[in-house]
Amino acid sequence: PETGANYWVRHREELLARALGEDEIVEPRTS
């Protein structure tokens, strides 16, 4: 999120950054 953004813009940008921070475990194939 931008440092000087207002509260509403910063909140939306924090949600975007939080969504990009979610990773998933890769399950290797057994064969």
Full PDB file with SEQRES, HELIX, SHEET, SSBOND, CRYST1, ORIGX, SCALE, CONECT and MASTER records, all heavy atoms in Angstrom:
SEQRES   1 A   31  PRO GLU THR GLY ALA ASN TYR TRP VAL ARG HIS ARG GLU          
SEQRES   2 A   31  GLU LEU LEU ALA ARG ALA LEU GLY GLU ASP GLU ILE VAL          
SEQRES   3 A   31  GLU PRO ARG THR SER                                          
HELIX    1 AA1 TYR A    7  LEU A   20  1                                  14    
CRYST1    1.000    1.000    1.000  90.00  90.00  90.00 P 1           1          
ORIGX1      1.000000  0.000000  0.000000        0.00000                         
ORIGX2      0.000000  1.000000  0.000000        0.00000                         
ORIGX3      0.000000  0.000000  1.000000        0.00000                         
SCALE1      1.000000  0.000000  0.000000        0.00000                         
SCALE2      0.000000  1.000000  0.000000        0.00000                         
SCALE3      0.000000  0.000000  1.000000        0.00000                         
ATOM      1  N   PRO A   1       0.819  -1.215   0.000  1.00  0.00           N  
ATOM      2  CA  PRO A   1       0.000   0.000   0.000  1.00  0.00           C  
ATOM      3  C   PRO A   1       0.854   1.267   0.000  1.00  0.00           C  
ATOM      4  O   PRO A   1       1.963   1.274   0.535  1.00  0.00           O  
ATOM      5  CB  PRO A   1      -0.827  -0.118   1.276  1.00  0.00           C  
ATOM      6  CG  PRO A   1      -0.156  -1.151   2.099  1.00  0.00           C  
ATOM      7  CD  PRO A   1       0.743  -1.946   1.243  1.00  0.00           C  
ATOM      8  N   GLU A   2       0.303   2.319  -0.590  1.00  0.00           N  
ATOM      9  CA  GLU A   2       1.012   3.584  -0.663  1.00  0.00           C  
ATOM     10  C   GLU A   2       1.075   4.230   0.721  1.00  0.00           C  
ATOM     11  O   GLU A   2       0.125   4.184   1.484  1.00  0.00           O  
ATOM     12  CB  GLU A   2       0.307   4.524  -1.638  1.00  0.00           C  
ATOM     13  CG  GLU A   2       0.182   3.955  -3.046  1.00  0.00           C  
ATOM     14  CD  GLU A   2      -0.610   4.866  -3.943  1.00  0.00           C  
ATOM     15  OE1 GLU A   2      -0.156   6.017  -4.151  1.00  0.00           O  
ATOM     16  OE2 GLU A   2      -1.677   4.461  -4.414  1.00  0.00           O  
ATOM     17  N   THR A   3       2.210   4.871   0.978  1.00  0.00           N  
ATOM     18  CA  THR A   3       2.413   5.462   2.303  1.00  0.00           C  
ATOM     19  C   THR A   3       1.485   6.652   2.528  1.00  0.00           C  
ATOM     20  O   THR A   3       0.895   6.803   3.594  1.00  0.00           O  
ATOM     21  CB  THR A   3       3.877   5.898   2.467  1.00  0.00           C  
ATOM     22  OG1 THR A   3       4.734   4.779   2.211  1.00  0.00           O  
ATOM     23  CG2 THR A   3       4.133   6.417   3.878  1.00  0.00           C  
ATOM     24  N   GLY A   4       1.305   7.507   1.523  1.00  0.00           N  
ATOM     25  CA  GLY A   4       0.516   8.718   1.703  1.00  0.00           C  
ATOM     26  C   GLY A   4      -0.931   8.599   1.281  1.00  0.00           C  
ATOM     27  O   GLY A   4      -1.630   9.617   1.195  1.00  0.00           O  
ATOM     28  N   ALA A   5      -1.406   7.388   1.024  1.00  0.00           N  
ATOM     29  CA  ALA A   5      -2.790   7.215   0.575  1.00  0.00           C  
ATOM     30  C   ALA A   5      -3.749   7.412   1.733  1.00  0.00           C  
ATOM     31  O   ALA A   5      -3.393   7.217   2.907  1.00  0.00           O  
ATOM     32  CB  ALA A   5      -2.979   5.834  -0.048  1.00  0.00           C  
ATOM     33  N   ASN A   6      -4.987   7.800   1.397  1.00  0.00           N  
ATOM     34  CA  ASN A   6      -5.985   7.952   2.447  1.00  0.00           C  
ATOM     35  C   ASN A   6      -6.398   6.570   2.975  1.00  0.00           C  
ATOM     36  O   ASN A   6      -6.024   5.540   2.437  1.00  0.00           O  
ATOM     37  CB  ASN A   6      -7.207   8.729   1.944  1.00  0.00           C  
ATOM     38  CG  ASN A   6      -7.896   8.027   0.780  1.00  0.00           C  
ATOM     39  OD1 ASN A   6      -8.353   6.899   0.894  1.00  0.00           O  
ATOM     40  ND2 ASN A   6      -7.964   8.697  -0.356  1.00  0.00           N  
ATOM     41  N   TYR A   7      -7.206   6.598   4.034  1.00  0.00           N  
ATOM     42  CA  TYR A   7      -7.530   5.345   4.729  1.00  0.00           C  
ATOM     43  C   TYR A   7      -8.226   4.364   3.811  1.00  0.00           C  
ATOM     44  O   TYR A   7      -7.914   3.162   3.804  1.00  0.00           O  
ATOM     45  CB  TYR A   7      -8.420   5.644   5.939  1.00  0.00           C  
ATOM     46  CG  TYR A   7      -8.993   4.392   6.565  1.00  0.00           C  
ATOM     47  CD1 TYR A   7      -8.230   3.597   7.415  1.00  0.00           C  
ATOM     48  CD2 TYR A   7     -10.303   3.985   6.293  1.00  0.00           C  
ATOM     49  CE1 TYR A   7      -8.745   2.445   7.976  1.00  0.00           C  
ATOM     50  CE2 TYR A   7     -10.827   2.827   6.857  1.00  0.00           C  
ATOM     51  CZ  TYR A   7     -10.046   2.071   7.694  1.00  0.00           C  
ATOM     52  OH  TYR A   7     -10.552   0.929   8.238  1.00  0.00           O  
ATOM     53  N   TRP A   8      -9.184   4.803   2.997  1.00  0.00           N  
ATOM     54  CA  TRP A   8      -9.990   3.894   2.188  1.00  0.00           C  
ATOM     55  C   TRP A   8      -9.142   3.251   1.094  1.00  0.00           C  
ATOM     56  O   TRP A   8      -9.228   2.043   0.861  1.00  0.00           O  
ATOM     57  CB  TRP A   8     -11.170   4.646   1.582  1.00  0.00           C  
ATOM     58  CG  TRP A   8     -11.985   5.339   2.628  1.00  0.00           C  
ATOM     59  CD1 TRP A   8     -12.041   6.677   2.885  1.00  0.00           C  
ATOM     60  CD2 TRP A   8     -12.833   4.719   3.610  1.00  0.00           C  
ATOM     61  NE1 TRP A   8     -12.864   6.937   3.940  1.00  0.00           N  
ATOM     62  CE2 TRP A   8     -13.370   5.762   4.411  1.00  0.00           C  
ATOM     63  CE3 TRP A   8     -13.188   3.411   3.883  1.00  0.00           C  
ATOM     64  CZ2 TRP A   8     -14.248   5.510   5.456  1.00  0.00           C  
ATOM     65  CZ3 TRP A   8     -14.059   3.154   4.930  1.00  0.00           C  
ATOM     66  CH2 TRP A   8     -14.577   4.194   5.694  1.00  0.00           C  
ATOM     67  N   VAL A   9      -8.299   4.055   0.432  1.00  0.00           N  
ATOM     68  CA  VAL A   9      -7.428   3.495  -0.609  1.00  0.00           C  
ATOM     69  C   VAL A   9      -6.408   2.549   0.015  1.00  0.00           C  
ATOM     70  O   VAL A   9      -6.139   1.458  -0.510  1.00  0.00           O  
ATOM     71  CB  VAL A   9      -6.731   4.627  -1.382  1.00  0.00           C  
ATOM     72  CG1 VAL A   9      -5.707   4.063  -2.363  1.00  0.00           C  
ATOM     73  CG2 VAL A   9      -7.754   5.482  -2.128  1.00  0.00           C  
ATOM     74  N   ARG A  10      -5.842   2.956   1.131  1.00  0.00           N  
ATOM     75  CA  ARG A  10      -4.846   2.111   1.784  1.00  0.00           C  
ATOM     76  C   ARG A  10      -5.455   0.786   2.239  1.00  0.00           C  
ATOM     77  O   ARG A  10      -4.813  -0.267   2.152  1.00  0.00           O  
ATOM     78  CB  ARG A  10      -4.239   2.861   2.975  1.00  0.00           C  
ATOM     79  CG  ARG A  10      -3.086   2.120   3.636  1.00  0.00           C  
ATOM     80  CD  ARG A  10      -2.444   2.954   4.728  1.00  0.00           C  
ATOM     81  NE  ARG A  10      -1.358   2.227   5.365  1.00  0.00           N  
ATOM     82  CZ  ARG A  10      -0.117   2.171   4.907  1.00  0.00           C  
ATOM     83  NH1 ARG A  10       0.196   2.828   3.799  1.00  0.00           N  
ATOM     84  NH2 ARG A  10       0.817   1.486   5.523  1.00  0.00           N  
ATOM     85  N   HIS A  11      -6.691   0.819   2.723  1.00  0.00           N  
ATOM     86  CA  HIS A  11      -7.350  -0.420   3.152  1.00  0.00           C  
ATOM     87  C   HIS A  11      -7.513  -1.379   1.976  1.00  0.00           C  
ATOM     88  O   HIS A  11      -7.231  -2.579   2.103  1.00  0.00           O  
ATOM     89  CB  HIS A  11      -8.700  -0.094   3.767  1.00  0.00           C  
ATOM     90  CG  HIS A  11      -9.504  -1.308   4.128  1.00  0.00           C  
ATOM     91  ND1 HIS A  11      -9.131  -2.181   5.128  1.00  0.00           N  
ATOM     92  CD2 HIS A  11     -10.652  -1.812   3.598  1.00  0.00           C  
ATOM     93  CE1 HIS A  11     -10.005  -3.156   5.217  1.00  0.00           C  
ATOM     94  NE2 HIS A  11     -10.933  -2.971   4.308  1.00  0.00           N  
ATOM     95  N   ARG A  12      -7.942  -0.864   0.823  1.00  0.00           N  
ATOM     96  CA  ARG A  12      -8.105  -1.732  -0.351  1.00  0.00           C  
ATOM     97  C   ARG A  12      -6.759  -2.283  -0.814  1.00  0.00           C  
ATOM     98  O   ARG A  12      -6.661  -3.448  -1.218  1.00  0.00           O  
ATOM     99  CB  ARG A  12      -8.782  -0.945  -1.481  1.00  0.00           C  
ATOM    100  CG  ARG A  12     -10.184  -0.465  -1.162  1.00  0.00           C  
ATOM    101  CD  ARG A  12     -11.103  -1.644  -1.004  1.00  0.00           C  
ATOM    102  NE  ARG A  12     -11.273  -2.355  -2.236  1.00  0.00           N  
ATOM    103  CZ  ARG A  12     -12.378  -2.339  -2.953  1.00  0.00           C  
ATOM    104  NH1 ARG A  12     -13.424  -1.676  -2.522  1.00  0.00           N  
ATOM    105  NH2 ARG A  12     -12.473  -3.012  -4.084  1.00  0.00           N  
ATOM    106  N   GLU A  13      -5.730  -1.456  -0.748  1.00  0.00           N  
ATOM    107  CA  GLU A  13      -4.408  -1.922  -1.164  1.00  0.00           C  
ATOM    108  C   GLU A  13      -3.842  -2.943  -0.174  1.00  0.00           C  
ATOM    109  O   GLU A  13      -3.122  -3.863  -0.578  1.00  0.00           O  
ATOM    110  CB  GLU A  13      -3.469  -0.723  -1.302  1.00  0.00           C  
ATOM    111  CG  GLU A  13      -3.826   0.183  -2.466  1.00  0.00           C  
ATOM    112  CD  GLU A  13      -2.940   1.402  -2.552  1.00  0.00           C  
ATOM    113  OE1 GLU A  13      -2.224   1.692  -1.570  1.00  0.00           O  
ATOM    114  OE2 GLU A  13      -2.941   2.067  -3.599  1.00  0.00           O  
ATOM    115  N   GLU A  14      -4.153  -2.803   1.098  1.00  0.00           N  
ATOM    116  CA  GLU A  14      -3.726  -3.816   2.074  1.00  0.00           C  
ATOM    117  C   GLU A  14      -4.398  -5.155   1.813  1.00  0.00           C  
ATOM    118  O   GLU A  14      -3.778  -6.210   1.967  1.00  0.00           O  
ATOM    119  CB  GLU A  14      -4.029  -3.324   3.491  1.00  0.00           C  
ATOM    120  CG  GLU A  14      -3.099  -2.233   3.983  1.00  0.00           C  
ATOM    121  CD  GLU A  14      -3.482  -1.733   5.354  1.00  0.00           C  
ATOM    122  OE1 GLU A  14      -4.557  -2.146   5.848  1.00  0.00           O  
ATOM    123  OE2 GLU A  14      -2.714  -0.945   5.935  1.00  0.00           O  
ATOM    124  N   LEU A  15      -5.675  -5.121   1.421  1.00  0.00           N  
ATOM    125  CA  LEU A  15      -6.360  -6.369   1.075  1.00  0.00           C  
ATOM    126  C   LEU A  15      -5.719  -7.022  -0.143  1.00  0.00           C  
ATOM    127  O   LEU A  15      -5.581  -8.250  -0.204  1.00  0.00           O  
ATOM    128  CB  LEU A  15      -7.841  -6.083   0.810  1.00  0.00           C  
ATOM    129  CG  LEU A  15      -8.676  -5.613   2.002  1.00  0.00           C  
ATOM    130  CD1 LEU A  15     -10.111  -5.339   1.563  1.00  0.00           C  
ATOM    131  CD2 LEU A  15      -8.658  -6.636   3.123  1.00  0.00           C  
ATOM    132  N   LEU A  16      -5.311  -6.207  -1.124  1.00  0.00           N  
ATOM    133  CA  LEU A  16      -4.633  -6.749  -2.299  1.00  0.00           C  
ATOM    134  C   LEU A  16      -3.305  -7.379  -1.912  1.00  0.00           C  
ATOM    135  O   LEU A  16      -2.991  -8.500  -2.340  1.00  0.00           O  
ATOM    136  CB  LEU A  16      -4.418  -5.629  -3.322  1.00  0.00           C  
ATOM    137  CG  LEU A  16      -3.543  -5.976  -4.526  1.00  0.00           C  
ATOM    138  CD1 LEU A  16      -4.201  -7.055  -5.378  1.00  0.00           C  
ATOM    139  CD2 LEU A  16      -3.263  -4.735  -5.374  1.00  0.00           C  
ATOM    140  N   ALA A  17      -2.514  -6.676  -1.102  1.00  0.00           N  
ATOM    141  CA  ALA A  17      -1.222  -7.217  -0.685  1.00  0.00           C  
ATOM    142  C   ALA A  17      -1.396  -8.490   0.136  1.00  0.00           C  
ATOM    143  O   ALA A  17      -0.628  -9.447  -0.015  1.00  0.00           O  
ATOM    144  CB  ALA A  17      -0.457  -6.162   0.115  1.00  0.00           C  
ATOM    145  N   ARG A  18      -2.422  -8.521   0.977  1.00  0.00           N  
ATOM    146  CA  ARG A  18      -2.662  -9.718   1.791  1.00  0.00           C  
ATOM    147  C   ARG A  18      -3.048 -10.906   0.919  1.00  0.00           C  
ATOM    148  O   ARG A  18      -2.645 -12.045   1.179  1.00  0.00           O  
ATOM    149  CB  ARG A  18      -3.755  -9.432   2.812  1.00  0.00           C  
ATOM    150  CG  ARG A  18      -3.901 -10.498   3.882  1.00  0.00           C  
ATOM    151  CD  ARG A  18      -4.998 -10.123   4.844  1.00  0.00           C  
ATOM    152  NE  ARG A  18      -4.755  -8.813   5.439  1.00  0.00           N  
ATOM    153  CZ  ARG A  18      -5.647  -8.143   6.147  1.00  0.00           C  
ATOM    154  NH1 ARG A  18      -6.859  -8.657   6.329  1.00  0.00           N  
ATOM    155  NH2 ARG A  18      -5.351  -6.978   6.675  1.00  0.00           N  
ATOM    156  N   ALA A  19      -3.846 -10.663  -0.131  1.00  0.00           N  
ATOM    157  CA  ALA A  19      -4.227 -11.749  -1.038  1.00  0.00           C  
ATOM    158  C   ALA A  19      -3.016 -12.279  -1.800  1.00  0.00           C  
ATOM    159  O   ALA A  19      -2.912 -13.485  -2.060  1.00  0.00           O  
ATOM    160  CB  ALA A  19      -5.303 -11.279  -2.006  1.00  0.00           C  
ATOM    161  N   LEU A  20      -2.073 -11.398  -2.148  1.00  0.00           N  
ATOM    162  CA  LEU A  20      -0.869 -11.844  -2.839  1.00  0.00           C  
ATOM    163  C   LEU A  20       0.108 -12.537  -1.896  1.00  0.00           C  
ATOM    164  O   LEU A  20       1.073 -13.150  -2.360  1.00  0.00           O  
ATOM    165  CB  LEU A  20      -0.178 -10.647  -3.504  1.00  0.00           C  
ATOM    166  CG  LEU A  20      -0.856 -10.128  -4.770  1.00  0.00           C  
ATOM    167  CD1 LEU A  20      -0.239  -8.831  -5.220  1.00  0.00           C  
ATOM    168  CD2 LEU A  20      -0.762 -11.156  -5.879  1.00  0.00           C  
ATOM    169  N   GLY A  21      -0.117 -12.435  -0.606  1.00  0.00           N  
ATOM    170  CA  GLY A  21       0.762 -13.100   0.343  1.00  0.00           C  
ATOM    171  C   GLY A  21       0.360 -14.514   0.675  1.00  0.00           C  
ATOM    172  O   GLY A  21       1.058 -15.186   1.444  1.00  0.00           O  
ATOM    173  N   GLU A  22      -0.734 -14.984   0.121  1.00  0.00           N  
ATOM    174  CA  GLU A  22      -1.210 -16.329   0.414  1.00  0.00           C  
ATOM    175  C   GLU A  22      -0.609 -17.332  -0.570  1.00  0.00           C  
ATOM    176  O   GLU A  22      -0.826 -17.230  -1.778  1.00  0.00           O  
ATOM    177  CB  GLU A  22      -2.732 -16.374   0.357  1.00  0.00           C  
ATOM    178  CG  GLU A  22      -3.409 -15.506   1.401  1.00  0.00           C  
ATOM    179  CD  GLU A  22      -4.909 -15.560   1.302  1.00  0.00           C  
ATOM    180  OE1 GLU A  22      -5.415 -16.233   0.373  1.00  0.00           O  
ATOM    181  OE2 GLU A  22      -5.581 -14.930   2.141  1.00  0.00           O  
ATOM    182  N   ASP A  23       0.145 -18.271  -0.061  1.00  0.00           N  
ATOM    183  CA  ASP A  23       0.762 -19.324  -0.878  1.00  0.00           C  
ATOM    184  C   ASP A  23       0.120 -20.664  -0.571  1.00  0.00           C  
ATOM    185  O   ASP A  23      -0.579 -20.840   0.438  1.00  0.00           O  
ATOM    186  CB  ASP A  23       2.264 -19.395  -0.622  1.00  0.00           C  
ATOM    187  CG  ASP A  23       2.994 -18.153  -1.124  1.00  0.00           C  
ATOM    188  OD1 ASP A  23       2.470 -17.495  -2.042  1.00  0.00           O  
ATOM    189  OD2 ASP A  23       4.080 -17.850  -0.590  1.00  0.00           O  
ATOM    190  N   GLU A  24       0.385 -21.620  -1.448  1.00  0.00           N  
ATOM    191  CA  GLU A  24      -0.142 -22.970  -1.293  1.00  0.00           C  
ATOM    192  C   GLU A  24       0.997 -23.978  -1.327  1.00  0.00           C  
ATOM    193  O   GLU A  24       2.026 -23.757  -1.975  1.00  0.00           O  
ATOM    194  CB  GLU A  24      -1.144 -23.298  -2.411  1.00  0.00           C  
ATOM    195  CG  GLU A  24      -2.386 -22.447  -2.411  1.00  0.00           C  
ATOM    196  CD  GLU A  24      -3.329 -22.821  -3.535  1.00  0.00           C  
ATOM    197  OE1 GLU A  24      -2.905 -23.625  -4.396  1.00  0.00           O  
ATOM    198  OE2 GLU A  24      -4.460 -22.317  -3.556  1.00  0.00           O  
ATOM    199  N   ILE A  25       0.807 -25.081  -0.619  1.00  0.00           N  
ATOM    200  CA  ILE A  25       1.797 -26.159  -0.640  1.00  0.00           C  
ATOM    201  C   ILE A  25       1.638 -26.967  -1.927  1.00  0.00           C  
ATOM    202  O   ILE A  25       0.522 -27.293  -2.338  1.00  0.00           O  
ATOM    203  CB  ILE A  25       1.629 -27.064   0.590  1.00  0.00           C  
ATOM    204  CG1 ILE A  25       1.924 -26.285   1.869  1.00  0.00           C  
ATOM    205  CG2 ILE A  25       2.540 -28.282   0.491  1.00  0.00           C  
ATOM    206  CD1 ILE A  25       1.767 -27.104   3.137  1.00  0.00           C  
ATOM    207  N   VAL A  26       2.758 -27.262  -2.550  1.00  0.00           N  
ATOM    208  CA  VAL A  26       2.768 -28.076  -3.774  1.00  0.00           C  
ATOM    209  C   VAL A  26       2.965 -29.535  -3.369  1.00  0.00           C  
ATOM    210  O   VAL A  26       3.974 -29.886  -2.741  1.00  0.00           O  
ATOM    211  CB  VAL A  26       3.885 -27.627  -4.733  1.00  0.00           C  
ATOM    212  CG1 VAL A  26       3.859 -28.463  -6.007  1.00  0.00           C  
ATOM    213  CG2 VAL A  26       3.728 -26.154  -5.066  1.00  0.00           C  
ATOM    214  N   GLU A  27       2.008 -30.350  -3.727  1.00  0.00           N  
ATOM    215  CA  GLU A  27       2.098 -31.777  -3.429  1.00  0.00           C  
ATOM    216  C   GLU A  27       2.799 -32.495  -4.582  1.00  0.00           C  
ATOM    217  O   GLU A  27       2.294 -32.517  -5.703  1.00  0.00           O  
ATOM    218  CB  GLU A  27       0.702 -32.369  -3.218  1.00  0.00           C  
ATOM    219  CG  GLU A  27      -0.037 -31.812  -2.012  1.00  0.00           C  
ATOM    220  CD  GLU A  27       0.565 -32.294  -0.709  1.00  0.00           C  
ATOM    221  OE1 GLU A  27       1.348 -33.270  -0.746  1.00  0.00           O  
ATOM    222  OE2 GLU A  27       0.248 -31.699   0.337  1.00  0.00           O  
ATOM    223  N   PRO A  28       3.977 -33.057  -4.340  1.00  0.00           N  
ATOM    224  CA  PRO A  28       4.644 -33.786  -5.431  1.00  0.00           C  
ATOM    225  C   PRO A  28       3.888 -35.058  -5.787  1.00  0.00           C  
ATOM    226  O   PRO A  28       3.227 -35.673  -4.946  1.00  0.00           O  
ATOM    227  CB  PRO A  28       6.026 -34.102  -4.844  1.00  0.00           C  
ATOM    228  CG  PRO A  28       5.813 -34.104  -3.366  1.00  0.00           C  
ATOM    229  CD  PRO A  28       4.745 -33.087  -3.092  1.00  0.00           C  
ATOM    230  N   ARG A  29       3.983 -35.445  -7.041  1.00  0.00           N  
ATOM    231  CA  ARG A  29       3.304 -36.654  -7.493  1.00  0.00           C  
ATOM    232  C   ARG A  29       4.020 -37.886  -6.956  1.00  0.00           C  
ATOM    233  O   ARG A  29       5.239 -37.909  -6.799  1.00  0.00           O  
ATOM    234  CB  ARG A  29       3.268 -36.699  -9.025  1.00  0.00           C  
ATOM    235  CG  ARG A  29       2.410 -35.600  -9.642  1.00  0.00           C  
ATOM    236  CD  ARG A  29       2.316 -35.822 -11.157  1.00  0.00           C  
ATOM    237  NE  ARG A  29       1.748 -37.125 -11.462  1.00  0.00           N  
ATOM    238  CZ  ARG A  29       0.440 -37.376 -11.527  1.00  0.00           C  
ATOM    239  NH1 ARG A  29      -0.423 -36.401 -11.294  1.00  0.00           N  
ATOM    240  NH2 ARG A  29      -0.008 -38.582 -11.813  1.00  0.00           N  
ATOM    241  N   THR A  30       3.232 -38.896  -6.666  1.00  0.00           N  
ATOM    242  CA  THR A  30       3.812 -40.146  -6.170  1.00  0.00           C  
ATOM    243  C   THR A  30       4.435 -40.981  -7.292  1.00  0.00           C  
ATOM    244  O   THR A  30       5.212 -41.882  -7.030  1.00  0.00           O  
ATOM    245  CB  THR A  30       2.732 -40.975  -5.465  1.00  0.00           C  
ATOM    246  OG1 THR A  30       1.633 -41.204  -6.362  1.00  0.00           O  
ATOM    247  CG2 THR A  30       2.204 -40.218  -4.247  1.00  0.00           C  
ATOM    248  N   SER A  31       4.066 -40.683  -8.527  1.00  0.00           N  
ATOM    249  CA  SER A  31       4.638 -41.408  -9.663  1.00  0.00           C  
ATOM    250  C   SER A  31       4.874 -40.420 -10.792  1.00  0.00           C  
ATOM    251  O   SER A  31       4.306 -39.322 -10.824  1.00  0.00           O  
ATOM    252  CB  SER A  31       3.695 -42.531 -10.127  1.00  0.00           C  
ATOM    253  OG  SER A  31       2.446 -42.009 -10.538  1.00  0.00           O  
TER     254      SER A  31                                                      
MASTER        0    0    0    1    0    0    0    6  253    1    0    3          
END                                                                             
